[in-house]
Amino acid sequence: MISEKTYAIVASRIGKNNQKIISGHISNLIGKEFGDSPHSIIIPGRLHFTESDAVKMVTECLDEPIDNSLDIKSISEQMIEKYVPMVREALEEIRPHYENLKEYDDVLINAKLYIDDAENFLKEGKKEYAVLSIGYADGLVDALRIAKGFDPKM
């Protein structure tokens, strides 16, 4: 997540006589004047020590370069945060349509277990398993929707 503590590099008018490259925490860059466009904003991840040294030498360095990668969520984490609530809600919406239909109990139970597994795998750092689990849950919920004649994209 980008915050005021995020380390960034702002490159202005690169290749022109009046180019400017400034780096630092966003909170310190906010008040700076960068001149006319074009501007590029670079938010680096983990820098090798030689890259960190280069940033200090090539830019007007307002702050010591830091590792931004610790604040960035992986695509897997972002997917799980988005899809777990959606699939959980979809399961709860379809569940009443299967009351008193015991032959579907295992499918409903497994869909819920896959959702729970997705959250647990993410907590354990098993991101690929988390994504697979939420995908399985979503597939089961879609199958339940289709079996009742509902649009699975609801």
Protein backbone atom coordinates (compact mmCIF):
# COMPACT_ATOMS: atom_id res chain seq x y z
CA MET A 1 0.00 0.00 0.00
CA ILE A 2 1.28 3.43 -0.85
CA SER A 3 1.52 5.79 2.10
CA GLU A 4 3.39 8.94 3.09
CA LYS A 5 6.33 6.73 4.15
CA THR A 6 6.60 5.06 0.74
CA TYR A 7 9.93 5.76 -0.94
CA ALA A 8 9.60 7.16 -4.46
CA ILE A 9 11.70 8.65 -7.21
CA VAL A 10 10.27 11.49 -9.30
CA ALA A 11 11.96 12.04 -12.65
CA SER A 12 11.05 15.25 -14.46
CA ARG A 13 11.82 16.14 -18.06
CA ILE A 14 14.47 13.42 -18.50
CA GLY A 15 16.86 14.21 -21.35
CA LYS A 16 16.12 17.94 -21.31
CA ASN A 17 18.56 20.59 -20.08
CA ASN A 18 16.38 21.24 -17.05
CA GLN A 19 15.76 17.63 -16.01
CA LYS A 20 15.31 16.94 -12.31
CA ILE A 21 15.34 13.67 -10.36
CA ILE A 22 14.32 13.76 -6.69
CA SER A 23 13.87 10.82 -4.34
CA GLY A 24 12.51 10.43 -0.84
CA HIS A 25 9.46 9.58 1.22
CA ILE A 26 6.24 10.72 -0.41
CA SER A 27 5.60 12.97 2.60
CA ASN A 28 8.79 14.90 1.74
CA LEU A 29 8.16 14.91 -2.00
CA ILE A 30 4.67 16.40 -1.72
CA GLY A 31 5.96 19.92 -1.07
CA LYS A 32 8.59 19.88 -3.81
CA GLU A 33 8.29 21.79 -7.08
CA PHE A 34 9.02 19.52 -10.05
CA GLY A 35 8.50 22.03 -12.84
CA ASP A 36 6.84 21.39 -16.16
CA SER A 37 5.87 17.90 -17.25
CA PRO A 38 6.50 15.21 -18.26
CA HIS A 39 7.09 13.47 -14.93
CA SER A 40 7.59 9.83 -14.06
CA ILE A 41 7.09 8.43 -10.57
CA ILE A 42 8.99 5.29 -9.69
CA ILE A 43 8.17 3.29 -6.58
CA PRO A 44 11.02 0.82 -6.18
CA GLY A 45 10.75 -2.47 -4.33
CA ARG A 46 13.76 -4.00 -2.62
CA LEU A 47 16.91 -2.28 -3.85
CA HIS A 48 20.28 -3.98 -4.15
CA PHE A 49 22.94 -1.98 -2.26
CA THR A 50 24.42 -0.81 -5.57
CA GLU A 51 21.00 0.43 -6.69
CA SER A 52 20.55 2.22 -3.38
CA ASP A 53 23.96 3.88 -3.81
CA ALA A 54 23.06 4.88 -7.39
CA VAL A 55 19.79 6.45 -6.23
CA LYS A 56 21.73 8.50 -3.68
CA MET A 57 24.25 9.66 -6.29
CA VAL A 58 21.97 10.30 -9.27
CA THR A 59 19.03 11.92 -7.48
CA GLU A 60 18.47 14.77 -5.11
CA CYS A 61 18.00 12.29 -2.28
CA LEU A 62 15.80 13.64 0.53
CA ASP A 63 15.72 10.40 2.54
CA GLU A 64 17.64 7.15 2.79
CA PRO A 65 16.20 4.64 0.26
CA ILE A 66 14.05 1.96 1.90
CA ASP A 67 12.55 -1.39 0.93
CA ASN A 68 8.96 -0.72 -0.19
CA SER A 69 8.28 -4.38 -0.95
CA LEU A 70 7.29 -5.09 2.67
CA ASP A 71 4.25 -2.82 2.25
CA ILE A 72 3.09 -4.27 -1.06
CA LYS A 73 0.48 -7.04 -1.12
CA SER A 74 1.01 -9.82 -3.59
CA ILE A 75 -1.51 -10.44 -6.34
CA SER A 76 -2.56 -13.60 -4.47
CA GLU A 77 -3.28 -11.61 -1.31
CA GLN A 78 -5.25 -9.04 -3.27
CA MET A 79 -7.25 -11.77 -5.00
CA ILE A 80 -8.10 -13.56 -1.75
CA GLU A 81 -9.16 -10.31 -0.08
CA LYS A 82 -11.46 -9.59 -3.01
CA TYR A 83 -12.87 -13.03 -3.78
CA VAL A 84 -13.36 -14.60 -0.34
CA PRO A 85 -16.12 -12.17 0.68
CA MET A 86 -17.72 -12.38 -2.78
CA VAL A 87 -17.80 -16.18 -2.86
CA ARG A 88 -18.90 -16.40 0.77
CA GLU A 89 -21.80 -14.02 0.02
CA ALA A 90 -22.72 -15.94 -3.15
CA LEU A 91 -22.76 -19.21 -1.18
CA GLU A 92 -25.09 -17.70 1.41
CA GLU A 93 -27.38 -16.39 -1.36
CA ILE A 94 -27.67 -19.79 -3.03
CA ARG A 95 -27.91 -21.86 0.20
CA PRO A 96 -31.67 -21.23 0.79
CA HIS A 97 -32.45 -22.69 -2.65
CA TYR A 98 -31.03 -26.02 -1.45
CA GLU A 99 -32.87 -26.36 1.87
CA ASN A 100 -34.24 -29.89 2.32
CA LEU A 101 -32.16 -31.18 -0.60
CA LYS A 102 -29.76 -33.47 1.27
CA GLU A 103 -27.99 -34.65 -1.90
CA TYR A 104 -26.42 -31.18 -2.16
CA ASP A 105 -25.25 -30.93 1.47
CA ASP A 106 -21.75 -32.18 0.64
CA VAL A 107 -21.35 -29.61 -2.15
CA LEU A 108 -22.45 -26.77 0.16
CA ILE A 109 -20.14 -28.00 2.93
CA ASN A 110 -17.19 -28.37 0.57
CA ALA A 111 -17.70 -24.90 -0.88
CA LYS A 112 -17.58 -23.44 2.64
CA LEU A 113 -14.52 -25.52 3.52
CA TYR A 114 -12.70 -24.34 0.37
CA ILE A 115 -13.43 -20.72 1.32
CA ASP A 116 -12.07 -21.35 4.82
CA ASP A 117 -9.06 -23.14 3.33
CA ALA A 118 -8.30 -20.14 1.12
CA GLU A 119 -8.10 -17.86 4.16
CA ASN A 120 -6.05 -20.37 6.15
CA PHE A 121 -3.61 -21.06 3.33
CA LEU A 122 -3.04 -17.33 2.91
CA LYS A 123 -2.29 -16.98 6.64
CA GLU A 124 0.21 -19.84 6.32
CA GLY A 125 1.91 -18.14 3.37
CA LYS A 126 0.70 -20.80 0.91
CA LYS A 127 -0.59 -18.24 -1.55
CA GLU A 128 -0.95 -20.55 -4.56
CA TYR A 129 -3.06 -22.99 -2.53
CA ALA A 130 -5.18 -20.07 -1.31
CA VAL A 131 -5.93 -18.98 -4.87
CA LEU A 132 -6.70 -22.56 -5.93
CA SER A 133 -9.03 -23.06 -2.96
CA ILE A 134 -11.08 -19.93 -3.61
CA GLY A 135 -11.27 -20.96 -7.28
CA TYR A 136 -12.65 -24.38 -6.30
CA ALA A 137 -15.19 -22.75 -3.97
CA ASP A 138 -16.28 -20.35 -6.69
CA GLY A 139 -16.64 -23.24 -9.14
CA LEU A 140 -18.86 -25.16 -6.73
CA VAL A 141 -21.02 -22.11 -6.07
CA ASP A 142 -21.35 -21.49 -9.82
CA ALA A 143 -22.35 -25.13 -10.33
CA LEU A 144 -25.05 -24.73 -7.66
CA ARG A 145 -26.31 -21.60 -9.39
CA ILE A 146 -26.40 -23.29 -12.79
CA ALA A 147 -28.23 -26.30 -11.35
CA LYS A 148 -31.00 -23.95 -10.21
CA GLY A 149 -31.04 -22.03 -13.50
CA PHE A 150 -29.40 -18.88 -12.13
CA ASP A 151 -26.80 -16.90 -14.05
CA PRO A 152 -23.43 -17.87 -12.50
CA LYS A 153 -22.17 -14.30 -13.04
CA MET A 154 -24.70 -12.89 -10.52
